[in-house]
Amino acid sequence: MAEKPEKKAETTNESKYPIDELSAHAEALFNVRPEVLVGALHGVNQRELTIDEVKKAVDQFLKRKAI
């Protein structure tokens, strides 16, 4: 019988960048000002994030209702 290849969990090898570096390039990467990026990442305990993680955080931040 032919053996079935084992399914390996997909791991992403995305690069992580320091928040300061992401903030410096916020307008080019996320089309927002650095101040918006700081607000979106307020409360995040990680010092390095992937671009996709930051994009999700910024999108959620911009969709929040103002109090």
PDB file of N, CA and C in Angstrom:
ATOM      1  N   MET A   1       0.831  -1.184   0.000  1.00  0.00           N
ATOM      2  CA  MET A   1       0.000   0.000   0.000  1.00  0.00           C
ATOM      3  C   MET A   1       0.876   1.247   0.000  1.00  0.00           C
ATOM      4  N   ALA A   2       0.390   2.226  -0.667  1.00  0.00           N
ATOM      5  CA  ALA A   2       1.124   3.490  -0.706  1.00  0.00           C
ATOM      6  C   ALA A   2       0.874   4.258   0.586  1.00  0.00           C
ATOM      7  N   GLU A   3       1.933   4.833   1.096  1.00  0.00           N
ATOM      8  CA  GLU A   3       1.799   5.606   2.324  1.00  0.00           C
ATOM      9  C   GLU A   3       1.307   7.012   2.003  1.00  0.00           C
ATOM     10  N   LYS A   4       0.440   7.498   2.835  1.00  0.00           N
ATOM     11  CA  LYS A   4      -0.064   8.861   2.663  1.00  0.00           C
ATOM     12  C   LYS A   4       0.920   9.822   3.311  1.00  0.00           C
ATOM     13  N   PRO A   5       1.242  10.887   2.622  1.00  0.00           N
ATOM     14  CA  PRO A   5       2.143  11.863   3.247  1.00  0.00           C
ATOM     15  C   PRO A   5       1.455  12.506   4.444  1.00  0.00           C
ATOM     16  N   GLU A   6       2.212  12.712   5.480  1.00  0.00           N
ATOM     17  CA  GLU A   6       1.660  13.335   6.676  1.00  0.00           C
ATOM     18  C   GLU A   6       1.368  14.803   6.407  1.00  0.00           C
ATOM     19  N   LYS A   7       0.262  15.241   6.911  1.00  0.00           N
ATOM     20  CA  LYS A   7      -0.081  16.658   6.770  1.00  0.00           C
ATOM     21  C   LYS A   7       0.631  17.419   7.870  1.00  0.00           C
ATOM     22  N   LYS A   8       1.410  18.367   7.478  1.00  0.00           N
ATOM     23  CA  LYS A   8       2.125  19.195   8.440  1.00  0.00           C
ATOM     24  C   LYS A   8       1.341  20.475   8.661  1.00  0.00           C
ATOM     25  N   ALA A   9       1.365  20.922   9.857  1.00  0.00           N
ATOM     26  CA  ALA A   9       0.698  22.181  10.168  1.00  0.00           C
ATOM     27  C   ALA A   9       1.394  23.293   9.396  1.00  0.00           C
ATOM     28  N   GLU A  10       0.576  24.124   8.790  1.00  0.00           N
ATOM     29  CA  GLU A  10       1.149  25.229   8.017  1.00  0.00           C
ATOM     30  C   GLU A  10       1.722  26.264   8.973  1.00  0.00           C
ATOM     31  N   THR A  11       2.938  26.600   8.744  1.00  0.00           N
ATOM     32  CA  THR A  11       3.558  27.658   9.530  1.00  0.00           C
ATOM     33  C   THR A  11       3.933  28.779   8.585  1.00  0.00           C
ATOM     34  N   THR A  12       3.663  29.962   9.028  1.00  0.00           N
ATOM     35  CA  THR A  12       4.014  31.106   8.198  1.00  0.00           C
ATOM     36  C   THR A  12       5.400  31.576   8.583  1.00  0.00           C
ATOM     37  N   ASN A  13       6.177  31.853   7.602  1.00  0.00           N
ATOM     38  CA  ASN A  13       7.530  32.338   7.831  1.00  0.00           C
ATOM     39  C   ASN A  13       7.606  33.829   7.542  1.00  0.00           C
ATOM     40  N   GLU A  14       6.564  34.540   7.943  1.00  0.00           N
ATOM     41  CA  GLU A  14       6.548  35.975   7.706  1.00  0.00           C
ATOM     42  C   GLU A  14       7.542  36.661   8.633  1.00  0.00           C
ATOM     43  N   SER A  15       8.153  37.665   8.124  1.00  0.00           N
ATOM     44  CA  SER A  15       9.111  38.428   8.925  1.00  0.00           C
ATOM     45  C   SER A  15       8.371  39.289   9.932  1.00  0.00           C
ATOM     46  N   LYS A  16       8.959  39.424  11.100  1.00  0.00           N
ATOM     47  CA  LYS A  16       8.408  40.303  12.127  1.00  0.00           C
ATOM     48  C   LYS A  16       9.284  41.545  12.203  1.00  0.00           C
ATOM     49  N   TYR A  17       8.632  42.675  12.415  1.00  0.00           N
ATOM     50  CA  TYR A  17       9.330  43.953  12.441  1.00  0.00           C
ATOM     51  C   TYR A  17       9.035  44.672  13.755  1.00  0.00           C
ATOM     52  N   PRO A  18       9.985  45.447  14.250  1.00  0.00           N
ATOM     53  CA  PRO A  18       9.739  46.237  15.463  1.00  0.00           C
ATOM     54  C   PRO A  18       8.653  47.281  15.216  1.00  0.00           C
ATOM     55  N   ILE A  19       7.894  47.569  16.242  1.00  0.00           N
ATOM     56  CA  ILE A  19       6.797  48.525  16.113  1.00  0.00           C
ATOM     57  C   ILE A  19       7.304  49.896  15.685  1.00  0.00           C
ATOM     58  N   ASP A  20       8.474  50.294  16.159  1.00  0.00           N
ATOM     59  CA  ASP A  20       9.032  51.597  15.769  1.00  0.00           C
ATOM     60  C   ASP A  20       9.271  51.677  14.265  1.00  0.00           C
ATOM     61  N   GLU A  21       9.772  50.600  13.693  1.00  0.00           N
ATOM     62  CA  GLU A  21      10.037  50.572  12.254  1.00  0.00           C
ATOM     63  C   GLU A  21       8.727  50.589  11.466  1.00  0.00           C
ATOM     64  N   LEU A  22       7.734  49.850  11.937  1.00  0.00           N
ATOM     65  CA  LEU A  22       6.431  49.843  11.269  1.00  0.00           C
ATOM     66  C   LEU A  22       5.781  51.222  11.347  1.00  0.00           C
ATOM     67  N   SER A  23       5.927  51.873  12.477  1.00  0.00           N
ATOM     68  CA  SER A  23       5.359  53.204  12.651  1.00  0.00           C
ATOM     69  C   SER A  23       6.026  54.222  11.726  1.00  0.00           C
ATOM     70  N   ALA A  24       7.320  54.083  11.541  1.00  0.00           N
ATOM     71  CA  ALA A  24       8.052  55.001  10.668  1.00  0.00           C
ATOM     72  C   ALA A  24       7.597  54.887   9.214  1.00  0.00           C
ATOM     73  N   HIS A  25       7.090  53.733   8.835  1.00  0.00           N
ATOM     74  CA  HIS A  25       6.656  53.499   7.454  1.00  0.00           C
ATOM     75  C   HIS A  25       5.146  53.265   7.364  1.00  0.00           C
ATOM     76  N   ALA A  26       4.400  53.791   8.330  1.00  0.00           N
ATOM     77  CA  ALA A  26       2.962  53.544   8.410  1.00  0.00           C
ATOM     78  C   ALA A  26       2.206  54.018   7.174  1.00  0.00           C
ATOM     79  N   GLU A  27       2.565  55.180   6.664  1.00  0.00           N
ATOM     80  CA  GLU A  27       1.835  55.720   5.514  1.00  0.00           C
ATOM     81  C   GLU A  27       2.048  54.877   4.270  1.00  0.00           C
ATOM     82  N   ALA A  28       3.250  54.395   4.062  1.00  0.00           N
ATOM     83  CA  ALA A  28       3.546  53.589   2.876  1.00  0.00           C
ATOM     84  C   ALA A  28       2.969  52.176   2.993  1.00  0.00           C
ATOM     85  N   LEU A  29       3.033  51.604   4.183  1.00  0.00           N
ATOM     86  CA  LEU A  29       2.602  50.215   4.351  1.00  0.00           C
ATOM     87  C   LEU A  29       1.105  50.061   4.579  1.00  0.00           C
ATOM     88  N   PHE A  30       0.525  50.964   5.385  1.00  0.00           N
ATOM     89  CA  PHE A  30      -0.854  50.776   5.824  1.00  0.00           C
ATOM     90  C   PHE A  30      -1.786  51.909   5.426  1.00  0.00           C
ATOM     91  N   ASN A  31      -1.255  52.918   4.757  1.00  0.00           N
ATOM     92  CA  ASN A  31      -2.039  54.060   4.292  1.00  0.00           C
ATOM     93  C   ASN A  31      -2.715  54.804   5.454  1.00  0.00           C
ATOM     94  N   VAL A  32      -2.023  54.854   6.588  1.00  0.00           N
ATOM     95  CA  VAL A  32      -2.499  55.612   7.746  1.00  0.00           C
ATOM     96  C   VAL A  32      -1.325  56.389   8.327  1.00  0.00           C
ATOM     97  N   ARG A  33      -1.635  57.415   9.092  1.00  0.00           N
ATOM     98  CA  ARG A  33      -0.580  58.185   9.755  1.00  0.00           C
ATOM     99  C   ARG A  33      -0.021  57.377  10.922  1.00  0.00           C
ATOM    100  N   PRO A  34       1.186  57.669  11.329  1.00  0.00           N
ATOM    101  CA  PRO A  34       1.793  56.932  12.448  1.00  0.00           C
ATOM    102  C   PRO A  34       0.960  56.986  13.733  1.00  0.00           C
ATOM    103  N   GLU A  35       0.241  58.093  13.940  1.00  0.00           N
ATOM    104  CA  GLU A  35      -0.587  58.226  15.133  1.00  0.00           C
ATOM    105  C   GLU A  35      -1.699  57.185  15.161  1.00  0.00           C
ATOM    106  N   VAL A  36      -2.245  56.883  13.994  1.00  0.00           N
ATOM    107  CA  VAL A  36      -3.294  55.868  13.896  1.00  0.00           C
ATOM    108  C   VAL A  36      -2.721  54.496  14.224  1.00  0.00           C
ATOM    109  N   LEU A  37      -1.533  54.236  13.738  1.00  0.00           N
ATOM    110  CA  LEU A  37      -0.882  52.953  14.015  1.00  0.00           C
ATOM    111  C   LEU A  37      -0.631  52.790  15.510  1.00  0.00           C
ATOM    112  N   VAL A  38      -0.188  53.849  16.160  1.00  0.00           N
ATOM    113  CA  VAL A  38       0.053  53.793  17.602  1.00  0.00           C
ATOM    114  C   VAL A  38      -1.256  53.496  18.340  1.00  0.00           C
ATOM    115  N   GLY A  39      -2.332  54.133  17.923  1.00  0.00           N
ATOM    116  CA  GLY A  39      -3.634  53.871  18.544  1.00  0.00           C
ATOM    117  C   GLY A  39      -4.106  52.451  18.315  1.00  0.00           C
ATOM    118  N   ALA A  40      -3.897  51.944  17.114  1.00  0.00           N
ATOM    119  CA  ALA A  40      -4.322  50.582  16.785  1.00  0.00           C
ATOM    120  C   ALA A  40      -3.542  49.542  17.573  1.00  0.00           C
ATOM    121  N   LEU A  41      -2.290  49.840  17.875  1.00  0.00           N
ATOM    122  CA  LEU A  41      -1.443  48.874  18.578  1.00  0.00           C
ATOM    123  C   LEU A  41      -1.381  49.130  20.081  1.00  0.00           C
ATOM    124  N   HIS A  42      -2.170  50.084  20.564  1.00  0.00           N
ATOM    125  CA  HIS A  42      -2.194  50.362  22.001  1.00  0.00           C
ATOM    126  C   HIS A  42      -2.676  49.114  22.745  1.00  0.00           C
ATOM    127  N   GLY A  43      -1.917  48.694  23.714  1.00  0.00           N
ATOM    128  CA  GLY A  43      -2.285  47.517  24.493  1.00  0.00           C
ATOM    129  C   GLY A  43      -1.706  46.214  23.975  1.00  0.00           C
ATOM    130  N   VAL A  44      -1.039  46.257  22.838  1.00  0.00           N
ATOM    131  CA  VAL A  44      -0.393  45.056  22.302  1.00  0.00           C
ATOM    132  C   VAL A  44       0.911  44.856  23.059  1.00  0.00           C
ATOM    133  N   ASN A  45       1.111  43.661  23.575  1.00  0.00           N
ATOM    134  CA  ASN A  45       2.283  43.396  24.408  1.00  0.00           C
ATOM    135  C   ASN A  45       3.506  42.958  23.618  1.00  0.00           C
ATOM    136  N   GLN A  46       3.337  42.657  22.352  1.00  0.00           N
ATOM    137  CA  GLN A  46       4.464  42.211  21.541  1.00  0.00           C
ATOM    138  C   GLN A  46       5.253  43.415  21.052  1.00  0.00           C
ATOM    139  N   ARG A  47       6.562  43.239  20.933  1.00  0.00           N
ATOM    140  CA  ARG A  47       7.414  44.321  20.426  1.00  0.00           C
ATOM    141  C   ARG A  47       7.649  44.193  18.925  1.00  0.00           C
ATOM    142  N   GLU A  48       7.446  43.005  18.378  1.00  0.00           N
ATOM    143  CA  GLU A  48       7.622  42.777  16.945  1.00  0.00           C
ATOM    144  C   GLU A  48       6.377  42.095  16.401  1.00  0.00           C
ATOM    145  N   LEU A  49       5.914  42.566  15.242  1.00  0.00           N
ATOM    146  CA  LEU A  49       4.702  42.042  14.624  1.00  0.00           C
ATOM    147  C   LEU A  49       4.918  41.858  13.133  1.00  0.00           C
ATOM    148  N   THR A  50       4.099  40.995  12.537  1.00  0.00           N
ATOM    149  CA  THR A  50       4.133  40.848  11.088  1.00  0.00           C
ATOM    150  C   THR A  50       3.271  41.954  10.476  1.00  0.00           C
ATOM    151  N   ILE A  51       3.449  42.174   9.207  1.00  0.00           N
ATOM    152  CA  ILE A  51       2.669  43.204   8.517  1.00  0.00           C
ATOM    153  C   ILE A  51       1.190  42.835   8.516  1.00  0.00           C
ATOM    154  N   ASP A  52       0.874  41.548   8.332  1.00  0.00           N
ATOM    155  CA  ASP A  52      -0.526  41.119   8.349  1.00  0.00           C
ATOM    156  C   ASP A  52      -1.179  41.343   9.710  1.00  0.00           C
ATOM    157  N   GLU A  53      -0.449  41.089  10.783  1.00  0.00           N
ATOM    158  CA  GLU A  53      -0.987  41.320  12.126  1.00  0.00           C
ATOM    159  C   GLU A  53      -1.311  42.794  12.326  1.00  0.00           C
ATOM    160  N   VAL A  54      -0.448  43.655  11.845  1.00  0.00           N
ATOM    161  CA  VAL A  54      -0.665  45.095  11.999  1.00  0.00           C
ATOM    162  C   VAL A  54      -1.828  45.547  11.125  1.00  0.00           C
ATOM    163  N   LYS A  55      -1.923  45.027   9.905  1.00  0.00           N
ATOM    164  CA  LYS A  55      -3.042  45.390   9.028  1.00  0.00           C
ATOM    165  C   LYS A  55      -4.372  45.032   9.679  1.00  0.00           C
ATOM    166  N   LYS A  56      -4.455  43.855  10.286  1.00  0.00           N
ATOM    167  CA  LYS A  56      -5.689  43.444  10.961  1.00  0.00           C
ATOM    168  C   LYS A  56      -6.006  44.375  12.120  1.00  0.00           C
ATOM    169  N   ALA A  57      -4.994  44.726  12.896  1.00  0.00           N
ATOM    170  CA  ALA A  57      -5.195  45.617  14.041  1.00  0.00           C
ATOM    171  C   ALA A  57      -5.654  46.998  13.583  1.00  0.00           C
ATOM    172  N   VAL A  58      -5.062  47.514  12.515  1.00  0.00           N
ATOM    173  CA  VAL A  58      -5.441  48.834  11.996  1.00  0.00           C
ATOM    174  C   VAL A  58      -6.869  48.794  11.465  1.00  0.00           C
ATOM    175  N   ASP A  59      -7.226  47.756  10.722  1.00  0.00           N
ATOM    176  CA  ASP A  59      -8.590  47.641  10.199  1.00  0.00           C
ATOM    177  C   ASP A  59      -9.616  47.598  11.330  1.00  0.00           C
ATOM    178  N   GLN A  60      -9.341  46.815  12.364  1.00  0.00           N
ATOM    179  CA  GLN A  60     -10.253  46.739  13.504  1.00  0.00           C
ATOM    180  C   GLN A  60     -10.346  48.084  14.213  1.00  0.00           C
ATOM    181  N   PHE A  61      -9.220  48.761  14.344  1.00  0.00           N
ATOM    182  CA  PHE A  61      -9.186  50.062  15.010  1.00  0.00           C
ATOM    183  C   PHE A  61     -10.018  51.086  14.245  1.00  0.00           C
ATOM    184  N   LEU A  62      -9.900  51.099  12.935  1.00  0.00           N
ATOM    185  CA  LEU A  62     -10.632  52.077  12.129  1.00  0.00           C
ATOM    186  C   LEU A  62     -12.128  51.787  12.081  1.00  0.00           C
ATOM    187  N   LYS A  63     -12.522  50.552  12.313  1.00  0.00           N
ATOM    188  CA  LYS A  63     -13.940  50.181  12.277  1.00  0.00           C
ATOM    189  C   LYS A  63     -14.634  50.347  13.627  1.00  0.00           C
ATOM    190  N   ARG A  64     -13.865  50.630  14.680  1.00  0.00           N
ATOM    191  CA  ARG A  64     -14.458  50.810  16.007  1.00  0.00           C
ATOM    192  C   ARG A  64     -15.329  52.052  16.034  1.00  0.00           C
ATOM    193  N   LYS A  65     -16.337  51.986  16.866  1.00  0.00           N
ATOM    194  CA  LYS A  65     -17.196  53.151  17.046  1.00  0.00           C
ATOM    195  C   LYS A  65     -16.568  54.078  18.073  1.00  0.00           C
ATOM    196  N   ALA A  66     -16.678  55.349  17.824  1.00  0.00           N
ATOM    197  CA  ALA A  66     -16.171  56.348  18.776  1.00  0.00           C
ATOM    198  C   ALA A  66     -17.142  56.452  19.943  1.00  0.00           C
ATOM    199  N   ILE A  67     -16.597  56.660  21.097  1.00  0.00           N
ATOM    200  CA  ILE A  67     -17.447  56.753  22.296  1.00  0.00           C
ATOM    201  C   ILE A  67     -17.852  58.189  22.510  1.00  0.00           C
TER     202      ILE A  67
END
